Protein backbone atom coordinates (compact mmCIF):
# COMPACT_ATOMS: atom_id res chain seq x y z
CA UNK A 1 0.00 0.00 0.00
CA UNK A 2 1.33 3.41 -0.95
CA UNK A 3 0.79 6.16 1.63
CA UNK A 4 1.12 9.78 0.63
CA UNK A 5 2.21 12.05 3.42
CA UNK A 6 1.00 15.62 3.48
CA UNK A 7 3.67 18.01 4.60
CA UNK A 8 2.34 20.86 6.69
CA UNK A 9 3.91 24.27 6.20
CA UNK A 10 6.77 24.80 8.61
CA UNK A 11 5.76 27.14 11.43
CA UNK A 12 8.18 29.79 12.60
CA UNK A 13 11.10 28.31 14.46
CA UNK A 14 11.45 30.17 17.78
CA UNK A 15 15.19 30.57 17.14
CA UNK A 16 14.66 32.86 14.13
CA UNK A 17 15.92 36.39 14.82
CA UNK A 18 13.37 39.24 14.63
CA UNK A 19 14.52 40.42 11.19
CA UNK A 20 13.86 36.93 9.77
CA UNK A 21 10.36 36.84 11.31
CA UNK A 22 9.52 40.23 9.86
CA UNK A 23 10.90 39.18 6.45
CA UNK A 24 8.94 35.89 6.47
CA UNK A 25 5.68 37.64 7.40
CA UNK A 26 6.28 40.41 4.85
CA UNK A 27 7.27 38.02 2.05
CA UNK A 28 4.26 35.77 2.63
CA UNK A 29 1.79 38.65 2.43
CA UNK A 30 3.63 40.35 -0.45
CA UNK A 31 3.10 37.12 -2.41
CA UNK A 32 -0.60 37.12 -1.45
CA UNK A 33 -0.89 40.77 -2.54
CA UNK A 34 0.68 39.95 -5.91
CA UNK A 35 -1.52 36.89 -6.52
CA UNK A 36 -4.78 36.30 -4.64
CA UNK A 37 -5.47 39.98 -3.89
CA UNK A 38 -4.10 41.54 -7.09
CA UNK A 39 -6.61 43.83 -8.76
CA UNK A 40 -9.38 43.37 -6.21
CA UNK A 41 -11.41 46.55 -5.59
CA UNK A 42 -11.07 46.32 -1.81
CA UNK A 43 -7.33 47.06 -2.04
CA UNK A 44 -6.00 50.56 -1.43
CA UNK A 45 -3.44 51.26 -4.19
CA UNK A 46 -1.62 53.74 -1.92
CA UNK A 47 -0.59 50.92 0.42
CA UNK A 48 1.92 48.11 0.19
CA UNK A 49 2.64 45.18 2.49
CA UNK A 50 4.65 46.25 5.54
CA UNK A 51 5.42 45.06 9.07
CA UNK A 52 6.03 48.39 10.85
CA UNK A 53 6.53 46.84 14.30
CA UNK A 54 7.19 43.44 15.84
CA UNK A 55 8.34 42.48 19.29
CA UNK A 56 8.36 39.64 21.79
CA UNK A 57 5.32 39.77 24.07
CA UNK A 58 5.15 37.23 26.90
CA UNK A 59 7.38 34.90 24.92
CA UNK A 60 5.40 35.09 21.66
CA UNK A 61 5.94 37.28 18.61
CA UNK A 62 3.47 40.15 18.33
CA UNK A 63 3.43 42.54 15.42
CA UNK A 64 1.28 44.66 13.16
CA UNK A 65 0.82 43.86 9.50
CA UNK A 66 -0.20 46.48 6.95
CA UNK A 67 -1.58 45.25 3.63
CA UNK A 68 -3.50 47.05 0.88
CA UNK A 69 -6.70 45.39 2.19
CA UNK A 70 -6.28 45.39 6.00
CA UNK A 71 -4.24 46.33 9.04
CA UNK A 72 -4.03 43.55 11.62
CA UNK A 73 -2.32 42.57 14.82
CA UNK A 74 -0.47 39.31 14.27
CA UNK A 75 0.66 36.72 16.83
CA UNK A 76 3.30 34.17 15.84
CA UNK A 77 4.64 31.31 17.93
CA UNK A 78 7.72 32.13 19.95
CA UNK A 79 9.70 30.47 22.72
CA UNK A 80 7.06 31.32 25.35
CA UNK A 81 5.00 28.21 24.65
CA UNK A 82 1.60 29.94 25.08
CA UNK A 83 0.82 30.06 21.37
CA UNK A 84 -1.34 27.14 20.33
CA UNK A 85 -2.28 26.43 16.75
CA UNK A 86 -6.02 26.70 16.32
CA UNK A 87 -8.05 25.93 13.23
CA UNK A 88 -8.37 28.49 10.47
CA UNK A 89 -11.25 30.78 11.42
CA UNK A 90 -11.41 29.54 15.01
CA UNK A 91 -10.86 32.17 17.69
CA UNK A 92 -8.79 32.55 20.82
CA UNK A 93 -8.86 35.40 23.29
CA UNK A 94 -5.60 37.01 24.41
CA UNK A 95 -5.41 39.31 27.44
CA UNK A 96 -3.23 42.38 26.93
CA UNK A 97 -2.67 45.30 29.30
CA UNK A 98 -5.38 47.31 27.47
CA UNK A 99 -7.97 44.52 27.48
CA UNK A 100 -8.90 41.14 26.04
CA UNK A 101 -9.05 40.72 22.27
CA UNK A 102 -10.17 37.93 19.98
CA UNK A 103 -7.65 36.59 17.47
CA UNK A 104 -8.51 34.26 14.60
CA UNK A 105 -6.50 31.21 13.63
CA UNK A 106 -4.76 31.31 10.26
CA UNK A 107 -2.21 29.32 8.30
CA UNK A 108 -0.24 30.25 5.19
CA UNK A 109 2.24 28.20 3.26
CA UNK A 110 5.76 29.33 4.04
CA UNK A 111 4.61 31.03 7.23
CA UNK A 112 2.82 28.31 9.16
CA UNK A 113 0.27 28.92 11.89
CA UNK A 114 -0.43 32.42 13.13
CA UNK A 115 -3.29 34.35 14.71
CA UNK A 116 -4.61 37.76 13.68
CA UNK A 117 -6.92 40.49 14.95
CA UNK A 118 -8.20 42.96 12.36
CA UNK A 119 -7.78 46.63 13.23
CA UNK A 120 -9.00 48.14 9.96
CA UNK A 121 -10.48 46.62 6.82
CA UNK A 122 -10.78 47.89 4.19
CA UNK A 123 -8.13 50.60 4.54
CA UNK A 124 -9.20 53.36 2.16
CA UNK A 125 -9.08 55.95 4.98
CA UNK A 126 -5.27 55.83 4.82
CA UNK A 127 -3.92 58.21 2.16
CA UNK A 128 -0.32 57.03 2.40
CA UNK A 129 1.92 54.21 3.55
CA UNK A 130 3.39 56.48 6.25
CA UNK A 131 -0.10 57.13 7.64
CA UNK A 132 -0.98 53.42 7.70
CA UNK A 133 2.36 52.49 9.29
CA UNK A 134 1.93 55.20 11.96
CA UNK A 135 -1.58 53.90 12.73
CA UNK A 136 -0.21 50.35 13.02
CA UNK A 137 2.58 51.39 15.42
CA UNK A 138 0.12 53.45 17.50
CA UNK A 139 -2.27 50.48 17.65
CA UNK A 140 0.45 48.19 18.98
CA UNK A 141 1.50 50.79 21.56
CA UNK A 142 -2.14 51.26 22.67
CA UNK A 143 -2.60 47.50 22.93
CA UNK A 144 0.31 47.28 25.34
CA UNK A 145 -0.56 50.41 27.34
CA UNK A 146 -0.39 49.26 30.94
CA UNK A 147 -3.05 50.29 33.43
CA UNK A 148 -5.34 52.11 30.98
CA UNK A 149 -8.36 50.01 31.95
CA UNK A 150 -7.52 50.01 35.67
CA UNK A 151 -7.10 53.80 35.77
CA UNK A 152 -10.44 54.38 34.06
CA UNK A 153 -12.21 52.05 36.53
CA UNK A 154 -10.54 53.78 39.50
CA UNK A 155 -11.67 57.18 38.19
CA UNK A 156 -15.27 55.99 37.94
CA UNK A 157 -15.10 54.65 41.50
CA UNK A 158 -13.64 57.94 42.78
CA UNK A 159 -16.38 60.00 41.05
CA UNK A 160 -19.13 57.74 42.42
CA UNK A 161 -17.72 57.92 45.97
CA UNK A 162 -17.56 61.72 45.76
CA UNK A 163 -21.13 61.88 44.45
CA UNK A 164 -22.45 59.65 47.26
CA UNK A 165 -20.63 61.75 49.88
CA UNK A 166 -21.97 65.01 48.44
CA UNK A 167 -18.53 66.23 47.38
CA UNK A 168 -17.83 67.75 43.98
CA UNK A 169 -17.02 65.00 41.51
CA UNK A 170 -13.59 65.08 39.93
CA UNK A 171 -13.41 65.41 36.17
CA UNK A 172 -13.38 62.04 34.44
CA UNK A 173 -9.99 60.73 33.44
CA UNK A 174 -9.44 60.27 29.73
CA UNK A 175 -11.07 56.98 28.79
CA UNK A 176 -9.10 54.23 27.09
CA UNK A 177 -10.28 53.70 23.56
CA UNK A 178 -12.58 50.83 22.83
CA UNK A 179 -11.67 48.81 19.76
CA UNK A 180 -14.68 50.34 17.99
CA UNK A 181 -13.60 53.90 18.87
CA UNK A 182 -10.04 53.12 17.90
CA UNK A 183 -11.15 51.80 14.53
CA UNK A 184 -13.34 54.85 13.96
CA UNK A 185 -10.33 57.10 14.33
CA UNK A 186 -10.67 58.37 17.90
CA UNK A 187 -6.95 57.83 18.38
CA UNK A 188 -6.32 60.60 15.87
CA UNK A 189 -8.89 63.05 17.21
CA UNK A 190 -12.10 62.05 15.38
CA UNK A 191 -14.61 60.87 17.99
C-alpha atoms as a PDB file:
ATOM      1  CA  UNK A   1       0.000   0.000   0.000  1.00  0.00           C
ATOM      2  CA  UNK A   2       1.333   3.413  -0.949  1.00  0.00           C
ATOM      3  CA  UNK A   3       0.792   6.159   1.633  1.00  0.00           C
ATOM      4  CA  UNK A   4       1.121   9.782   0.632  1.00  0.00           C
ATOM      5  CA  UNK A   5       2.208  12.055   3.424  1.00  0.00           C
ATOM      6  CA  UNK A   6       0.996  15.621   3.477  1.00  0.00           C
ATOM      7  CA  UNK A   7       3.670  18.005   4.599  1.00  0.00           C
ATOM      8  CA  UNK A   8       2.338  20.857   6.690  1.00  0.00           C
ATOM      9  CA  UNK A   9       3.906  24.269   6.198  1.00  0.00           C
ATOM     10  CA  UNK A  10       6.774  24.797   8.606  1.00  0.00           C
ATOM     11  CA  UNK A  11       5.763  27.138  11.433  1.00  0.00           C
ATOM     12  CA  UNK A  12       8.182  29.791  12.598  1.00  0.00           C
ATOM     13  CA  UNK A  13      11.098  28.307  14.461  1.00  0.00           C
ATOM     14  CA  UNK A  14      11.448  30.172  17.780  1.00  0.00           C
ATOM     15  CA  UNK A  15      15.192  30.568  17.139  1.00  0.00           C
ATOM     16  CA  UNK A  16      14.664  32.859  14.130  1.00  0.00           C
ATOM     17  CA  UNK A  17      15.918  36.388  14.820  1.00  0.00           C
ATOM     18  CA  UNK A  18      13.366  39.241  14.628  1.00  0.00           C
ATOM     19  CA  UNK A  19      14.522  40.417  11.188  1.00  0.00           C
ATOM     20  CA  UNK A  20      13.859  36.930   9.771  1.00  0.00           C
ATOM     21  CA  UNK A  21      10.365  36.841  11.311  1.00  0.00           C
ATOM     22  CA  UNK A  22       9.520  40.226   9.860  1.00  0.00           C
ATOM     23  CA  UNK A  23      10.900  39.177   6.452  1.00  0.00           C
ATOM     24  CA  UNK A  24       8.937  35.889   6.473  1.00  0.00           C
ATOM     25  CA  UNK A  25       5.675  37.645   7.397  1.00  0.00           C
ATOM     26  CA  UNK A  26       6.276  40.407   4.853  1.00  0.00           C
ATOM     27  CA  UNK A  27       7.266  38.017   2.049  1.00  0.00           C
ATOM     28  CA  UNK A  28       4.257  35.765   2.635  1.00  0.00           C
ATOM     29  CA  UNK A  29       1.790  38.653   2.426  1.00  0.00           C
ATOM     30  CA  UNK A  30       3.627  40.348  -0.445  1.00  0.00           C
ATOM     31  CA  UNK A  31       3.103  37.123  -2.414  1.00  0.00           C
ATOM     32  CA  UNK A  32      -0.597  37.116  -1.454  1.00  0.00           C
ATOM     33  CA  UNK A  33      -0.892  40.766  -2.545  1.00  0.00           C
ATOM     34  CA  UNK A  34       0.684  39.947  -5.909  1.00  0.00           C
ATOM     35  CA  UNK A  35      -1.525  36.892  -6.522  1.00  0.00           C
ATOM     36  CA  UNK A  36      -4.780  36.302  -4.636  1.00  0.00           C
ATOM     37  CA  UNK A  37      -5.473  39.975  -3.886  1.00  0.00           C
ATOM     38  CA  UNK A  38      -4.097  41.543  -7.090  1.00  0.00           C
ATOM     39  CA  UNK A  39      -6.606  43.834  -8.755  1.00  0.00           C
ATOM     40  CA  UNK A  40      -9.382  43.372  -6.205  1.00  0.00           C
ATOM     41  CA  UNK A  41     -11.415  46.548  -5.593  1.00  0.00           C
ATOM     42  CA  UNK A  42     -11.069  46.316  -1.808  1.00  0.00           C
ATOM     43  CA  UNK A  43      -7.330  47.055  -2.039  1.00  0.00           C
ATOM     44  CA  UNK A  44      -5.998  50.559  -1.428  1.00  0.00           C
ATOM     45  CA  UNK A  45      -3.443  51.261  -4.195  1.00  0.00           C
ATOM     46  CA  UNK A  46      -1.621  53.744  -1.916  1.00  0.00           C
ATOM     47  CA  UNK A  47      -0.590  50.920   0.424  1.00  0.00           C
ATOM     48  CA  UNK A  48       1.922  48.106   0.193  1.00  0.00           C
ATOM     49  CA  UNK A  49       2.639  45.177   2.491  1.00  0.00           C
ATOM     50  CA  UNK A  50       4.649  46.254   5.544  1.00  0.00           C
ATOM     51  CA  UNK A  51       5.420  45.064   9.065  1.00  0.00           C
ATOM     52  CA  UNK A  52       6.026  48.387  10.851  1.00  0.00           C
ATOM     53  CA  UNK A  53       6.533  46.842  14.299  1.00  0.00           C
ATOM     54  CA  UNK A  54       7.186  43.437  15.836  1.00  0.00           C
ATOM     55  CA  UNK A  55       8.341  42.484  19.295  1.00  0.00           C
ATOM     56  CA  UNK A  56       8.359  39.641  21.792  1.00  0.00           C
ATOM     57  CA  UNK A  57       5.322  39.773  24.070  1.00  0.00           C
ATOM     58  CA  UNK A  58       5.153  37.231  26.900  1.00  0.00           C
ATOM     59  CA  UNK A  59       7.381  34.903  24.916  1.00  0.00           C
ATOM     60  CA  UNK A  60       5.398  35.087  21.660  1.00  0.00           C
ATOM     61  CA  UNK A  61       5.945  37.284  18.610  1.00  0.00           C
ATOM     62  CA  UNK A  62       3.468  40.152  18.331  1.00  0.00           C
ATOM     63  CA  UNK A  63       3.427  42.542  15.416  1.00  0.00           C
ATOM     64  CA  UNK A  64       1.285  44.657  13.160  1.00  0.00           C
ATOM     65  CA  UNK A  65       0.817  43.857   9.496  1.00  0.00           C
ATOM     66  CA  UNK A  66      -0.202  46.485   6.953  1.00  0.00           C
ATOM     67  CA  UNK A  67      -1.581  45.249   3.634  1.00  0.00           C
ATOM     68  CA  UNK A  68      -3.501  47.052   0.881  1.00  0.00           C
ATOM     69  CA  UNK A  69      -6.702  45.388   2.185  1.00  0.00           C
ATOM     70  CA  UNK A  70      -6.284  45.390   5.998  1.00  0.00           C
ATOM     71  CA  UNK A  71      -4.240  46.330   9.037  1.00  0.00           C
ATOM     72  CA  UNK A  72      -4.035  43.547  11.616  1.00  0.00           C
ATOM     73  CA  UNK A  73      -2.321  42.570  14.817  1.00  0.00           C
ATOM     74  CA  UNK A  74      -0.466  39.307  14.268  1.00  0.00           C
ATOM     75  CA  UNK A  75       0.664  36.718  16.825  1.00  0.00           C
ATOM     76  CA  UNK A  76       3.299  34.172  15.836  1.00  0.00           C
ATOM     77  CA  UNK A  77       4.640  31.305  17.933  1.00  0.00           C
ATOM     78  CA  UNK A  78       7.725  32.129  19.950  1.00  0.00           C
ATOM     79  CA  UNK A  79       9.698  30.472  22.720  1.00  0.00           C
ATOM     80  CA  UNK A  80       7.062  31.315  25.352  1.00  0.00           C
ATOM     81  CA  UNK A  81       5.001  28.210  24.651  1.00  0.00           C
ATOM     82  CA  UNK A  82       1.605  29.935  25.076  1.00  0.00           C
ATOM     83  CA  UNK A  83       0.822  30.063  21.365  1.00  0.00           C
ATOM     84  CA  UNK A  84      -1.342  27.139  20.326  1.00  0.00           C
ATOM     85  CA  UNK A  85      -2.276  26.429  16.751  1.00  0.00           C
ATOM     86  CA  UNK A  86      -6.024  26.704  16.317  1.00  0.00           C
ATOM     87  CA  UNK A  87      -8.048  25.928  13.227  1.00  0.00           C
ATOM     88  CA  UNK A  88      -8.368  28.487  10.470  1.00  0.00           C
ATOM     89  CA  UNK A  89     -11.248  30.781  11.416  1.00  0.00           C
ATOM     90  CA  UNK A  90     -11.413  29.544  15.013  1.00  0.00           C
ATOM     91  CA  UNK A  91     -10.860  32.167  17.686  1.00  0.00           C
ATOM     92  CA  UNK A  92      -8.787  32.546  20.822  1.00  0.00           C
ATOM     93  CA  UNK A  93      -8.856  35.404  23.291  1.00  0.00           C
ATOM     94  CA  UNK A  94      -5.602  37.010  24.410  1.00  0.00           C
ATOM     95  CA  UNK A  95      -5.406  39.309  27.436  1.00  0.00           C
ATOM     96  CA  UNK A  96      -3.234  42.379  26.926  1.00  0.00           C
ATOM     97  CA  UNK A  97      -2.671  45.303  29.299  1.00  0.00           C
ATOM     98  CA  UNK A  98      -5.381  47.311  27.473  1.00  0.00           C
ATOM     99  CA  UNK A  99      -7.972  44.515  27.481  1.00  0.00           C
ATOM    100  CA  UNK A 100      -8.896  41.140  26.044  1.00  0.00           C
ATOM    101  CA  UNK A 101      -9.046  40.723  22.271  1.00  0.00           C
ATOM    102  CA  UNK A 102     -10.172  37.932  19.976  1.00  0.00           C
ATOM    103  CA  UNK A 103      -7.654  36.585  17.472  1.00  0.00           C
ATOM    104  CA  UNK A 104      -8.509  34.263  14.597  1.00  0.00           C
ATOM    105  CA  UNK A 105      -6.495  31.211  13.630  1.00  0.00           C
ATOM    106  CA  UNK A 106      -4.757  31.306  10.258  1.00  0.00           C
ATOM    107  CA  UNK A 107      -2.205  29.322   8.298  1.00  0.00           C
ATOM    108  CA  UNK A 108      -0.244  30.254   5.194  1.00  0.00           C
ATOM    109  CA  UNK A 109       2.241  28.196   3.259  1.00  0.00           C
ATOM    110  CA  UNK A 110       5.765  29.333   4.036  1.00  0.00           C
ATOM    111  CA  UNK A 111       4.611  31.026   7.227  1.00  0.00           C
ATOM    112  CA  UNK A 112       2.817  28.314   9.161  1.00  0.00           C
ATOM    113  CA  UNK A 113       0.268  28.916  11.886  1.00  0.00           C
ATOM    114  CA  UNK A 114      -0.431  32.424  13.128  1.00  0.00           C
ATOM    115  CA  UNK A 115      -3.289  34.349  14.705  1.00  0.00           C
ATOM    116  CA  UNK A 116      -4.606  37.757  13.683  1.00  0.00           C
ATOM    117  CA  UNK A 117      -6.916  40.489  14.949  1.00  0.00           C
ATOM    118  CA  UNK A 118      -8.197  42.956  12.358  1.00  0.00           C
ATOM    119  CA  UNK A 119      -7.785  46.631  13.230  1.00  0.00           C
ATOM    120  CA  UNK A 120      -9.000  48.138   9.964  1.00  0.00           C
ATOM    121  CA  UNK A 121     -10.476  46.623   6.817  1.00  0.00           C
ATOM    122  CA  UNK A 122     -10.781  47.893   4.189  1.00  0.00           C
ATOM    123  CA  UNK A 123      -8.132  50.602   4.544  1.00  0.00           C
ATOM    124  CA  UNK A 124      -9.205  53.360   2.157  1.00  0.00           C
ATOM    125  CA  UNK A 125      -9.083  55.951   4.980  1.00  0.00           C
ATOM    126  CA  UNK A 126      -5.266  55.834   4.819  1.00  0.00           C
ATOM    127  CA  UNK A 127      -3.924  58.207   2.164  1.00  0.00           C
ATOM    128  CA  UNK A 128      -0.320  57.027   2.396  1.00  0.00           C
ATOM    129  CA  UNK A 129       1.923  54.207   3.549  1.00  0.00           C
ATOM    130  CA  UNK A 130       3.386  56.477   6.249  1.00  0.00           C
ATOM    131  CA  UNK A 131      -0.097  57.134   7.639  1.00  0.00           C
ATOM    132  CA  UNK A 132      -0.978  53.418   7.702  1.00  0.00           C
ATOM    133  CA  UNK A 133       2.359  52.488   9.291  1.00  0.00           C
ATOM    134  CA  UNK A 134       1.932  55.200  11.962  1.00  0.00           C
ATOM    135  CA  UNK A 135      -1.581  53.897  12.725  1.00  0.00           C
ATOM    136  CA  UNK A 136      -0.209  50.350  13.016  1.00  0.00           C
ATOM    137  CA  UNK A 137       2.578  51.386  15.420  1.00  0.00           C
ATOM    138  CA  UNK A 138       0.118  53.447  17.504  1.00  0.00           C
ATOM    139  CA  UNK A 139      -2.268  50.477  17.655  1.00  0.00           C
ATOM    140  CA  UNK A 140       0.449  48.191  18.975  1.00  0.00           C
ATOM    141  CA  UNK A 141       1.498  50.788  21.559  1.00  0.00           C
ATOM    142  CA  UNK A 142      -2.137  51.260  22.672  1.00  0.00           C
ATOM    143  CA  UNK A 143      -2.603  47.496  22.931  1.00  0.00           C
ATOM    144  CA  UNK A 144       0.311  47.275  25.337  1.00  0.00           C
ATOM    145  CA  UNK A 145      -0.559  50.407  27.337  1.00  0.00           C
ATOM    146  CA  UNK A 146      -0.390  49.262  30.940  1.00  0.00           C
ATOM    147  CA  UNK A 147      -3.055  50.286  33.430  1.00  0.00           C
ATOM    148  CA  UNK A 148      -5.335  52.109  30.979  1.00  0.00           C
ATOM    149  CA  UNK A 149      -8.362  50.015  31.953  1.00  0.00           C
ATOM    150  CA  UNK A 150      -7.521  50.012  35.670  1.00  0.00           C
ATOM    151  CA  UNK A 151      -7.100  53.796  35.766  1.00  0.00           C
ATOM    152  CA  UNK A 152     -10.444  54.375  34.065  1.00  0.00           C
ATOM    153  CA  UNK A 153     -12.213  52.054  36.534  1.00  0.00           C
ATOM    154  CA  UNK A 154     -10.543  53.782  39.504  1.00  0.00           C
ATOM    155  CA  UNK A 155     -11.665  57.179  38.188  1.00  0.00           C
ATOM    156  CA  UNK A 156     -15.271  55.988  37.938  1.00  0.00           C
ATOM    157  CA  UNK A 157     -15.103  54.649  41.503  1.00  0.00           C
ATOM    158  CA  UNK A 158     -13.644  57.937  42.780  1.00  0.00           C
ATOM    159  CA  UNK A 159     -16.375  59.998  41.055  1.00  0.00           C
ATOM    160  CA  UNK A 160     -19.130  57.736  42.415  1.00  0.00           C
ATOM    161  CA  UNK A 161     -17.719  57.915  45.968  1.00  0.00           C
ATOM    162  CA  UNK A 162     -17.563  61.724  45.761  1.00  0.00           C
ATOM    163  CA  UNK A 163     -21.132  61.879  44.451  1.00  0.00           C
ATOM    164  CA  UNK A 164     -22.447  59.651  47.258  1.00  0.00           C
ATOM    165  CA  UNK A 165     -20.626  61.751  49.881  1.00  0.00           C
ATOM    166  CA  UNK A 166     -21.968  65.009  48.440  1.00  0.00           C
ATOM    167  CA  UNK A 167     -18.526  66.233  47.381  1.00  0.00           C
ATOM    168  CA  UNK A 168     -17.829  67.753  43.975  1.00  0.00           C
ATOM    169  CA  UNK A 169     -17.022  65.001  41.514  1.00  0.00           C
ATOM    170  CA  UNK A 170     -13.590  65.083  39.932  1.00  0.00           C
ATOM    171  CA  UNK A 171     -13.407  65.406  36.175  1.00  0.00           C
ATOM    172  CA  UNK A 172     -13.383  62.044  34.441  1.00  0.00           C
ATOM    173  CA  UNK A 173      -9.988  60.726  33.437  1.00  0.00           C
ATOM    174  CA  UNK A 174      -9.435  60.267  29.731  1.00  0.00           C
ATOM    175  CA  UNK A 175     -11.066  56.979  28.788  1.00  0.00           C
ATOM    176  CA  UNK A 176      -9.100  54.233  27.092  1.00  0.00           C
ATOM    177  CA  UNK A 177     -10.284  53.701  23.561  1.00  0.00           C
ATOM    178  CA  UNK A 178     -12.580  50.832  22.833  1.00  0.00           C
ATOM    179  CA  UNK A 179     -11.674  48.810  19.756  1.00  0.00           C
ATOM    180  CA  UNK A 180     -14.680  50.344  17.991  1.00  0.00           C
ATOM    181  CA  UNK A 181     -13.603  53.904  18.875  1.00  0.00           C
ATOM    182  CA  UNK A 182     -10.035  53.116  17.899  1.00  0.00           C
ATOM    183  CA  UNK A 183     -11.151  51.804  14.529  1.00  0.00           C
ATOM    184  CA  UNK A 184     -13.344  54.855  13.959  1.00  0.00           C
ATOM    185  CA  UNK A 185     -10.327  57.097  14.333  1.00  0.00           C
ATOM    186  CA  UNK A 186     -10.669  58.374  17.897  1.00  0.00           C
ATOM    187  CA  UNK A 187      -6.955  57.834  18.379  1.00  0.00           C
ATOM    188  CA  UNK A 188      -6.319  60.601  15.872  1.00  0.00           C
ATOM    189  CA  UNK A 189      -8.892  63.053  17.210  1.00  0.00           C
ATOM    190  CA  UNK A 190     -12.095  62.053  15.376  1.00  0.00           C
ATOM    191  CA  UNK A 191     -14.607  60.870  17.990  1.00  0.00           C
END
